[in-house]
Amino acid sequence: QEEWINAAKGDLKTSCDFDYNGKMMEMMFLGLVAYRAGEKVQYDGKKGKILGNHDANKLLKKKYREGWPLNG
């Protein structure tokens, strides 16, 4: 916690910053998508899409019930 507070106050880089964490979570989610798709997937990180597998691509997004949007 102290490291995070010091980073917020100045230029100190934390040992687990948001850039590192974001990439790590993206890889974990893609692993889950590949598992659910039952095969290896190729991912285009710039476009945010899985290449050549329409069904696996659908797993990247969740459809929320009407009246319960996720904004952000």
Protein backbone atom coordinates (compact mmCIF):
# COMPACT_ATOMS: atom_id res chain seq x y z
CA GLN A 1 0.00 0.00 0.00
CA GLU A 2 2.83 2.34 0.81
CA GLU A 3 4.39 1.71 -2.61
CA TRP A 4 1.10 2.57 -4.31
CA ILE A 5 0.69 5.79 -2.29
CA ASN A 6 4.26 6.85 -3.11
CA ALA A 7 3.65 6.13 -6.80
CA ALA A 8 0.47 8.23 -6.73
CA LYS A 9 2.36 11.14 -5.20
CA GLY A 10 5.29 11.12 -7.62
CA ASP A 11 7.14 9.33 -10.38
CA LEU A 12 7.79 6.05 -8.58
CA LYS A 13 6.80 3.04 -10.69
CA THR A 14 5.11 0.25 -8.74
CA SER A 15 6.21 -3.37 -9.02
CA CYS A 16 2.82 -4.30 -10.51
CA ASP A 17 1.54 -1.32 -12.49
CA PHE A 18 -1.63 -1.11 -14.59
CA ASP A 19 0.21 -1.72 -17.87
CA TYR A 20 1.63 -5.01 -16.59
CA ASN A 21 -1.64 -6.02 -14.96
CA GLY A 22 -3.70 -5.22 -18.07
CA LYS A 23 -1.54 -7.40 -20.30
CA MET A 24 -1.55 -10.21 -17.77
CA MET A 25 -5.35 -10.17 -17.45
CA GLU A 26 -5.76 -10.06 -21.24
CA MET A 27 -3.65 -13.23 -21.56
CA MET A 28 -5.63 -14.96 -18.81
CA PHE A 29 -8.97 -14.08 -20.43
CA LEU A 30 -7.72 -15.28 -23.82
CA GLY A 31 -6.72 -18.56 -22.20
CA LEU A 32 -10.27 -18.95 -20.92
CA VAL A 33 -11.68 -18.15 -24.37
CA ALA A 34 -9.39 -20.75 -25.96
CA TYR A 35 -10.46 -23.30 -23.35
CA ARG A 36 -14.16 -22.63 -23.96
CA ALA A 37 -13.64 -22.67 -27.74
CA GLY A 38 -11.84 -26.00 -27.42
CA GLU A 39 -8.91 -24.96 -29.61
CA LYS A 40 -5.98 -22.59 -29.95
CA VAL A 41 -6.89 -19.05 -30.94
CA GLN A 42 -5.01 -16.31 -32.75
CA TYR A 43 -5.62 -12.87 -31.30
CA ASP A 44 -5.11 -9.46 -32.88
CA GLY A 45 -4.42 -7.24 -29.87
CA LYS A 46 -4.68 -3.97 -31.79
CA LYS A 47 -8.16 -4.81 -33.11
CA GLY A 48 -9.20 -6.74 -30.01
CA LYS A 49 -10.45 -9.67 -32.10
CA ILE A 50 -9.77 -13.36 -32.47
CA LEU A 51 -8.84 -14.28 -36.01
CA GLY A 52 -10.62 -17.04 -37.92
CA ASN A 53 -13.04 -18.16 -35.20
CA HIS A 54 -16.37 -16.35 -35.11
CA ASP A 55 -17.69 -18.35 -32.14
CA ALA A 56 -14.60 -17.67 -30.02
CA ASN A 57 -14.85 -13.98 -30.93
CA LYS A 58 -18.33 -13.89 -29.39
CA LEU A 59 -16.82 -15.00 -26.08
CA LEU A 60 -14.88 -11.72 -25.83
CA LYS A 61 -18.03 -9.72 -25.14
CA LYS A 62 -20.94 -10.22 -22.80
CA LYS A 63 -24.46 -9.18 -23.67
CA TYR A 64 -26.07 -7.51 -20.67
CA ARG A 65 -29.77 -7.62 -19.90
CA GLU A 66 -31.79 -4.60 -20.98
CA GLY A 67 -31.73 -1.92 -18.32
CA TRP A 68 -28.36 -3.08 -16.93
CA PRO A 69 -25.77 -1.49 -19.24
CA LEU A 70 -22.09 -1.43 -18.47
CA ASN A 71 -20.84 2.03 -19.39
CA GLY A 72 -17.14 2.65 -19.54
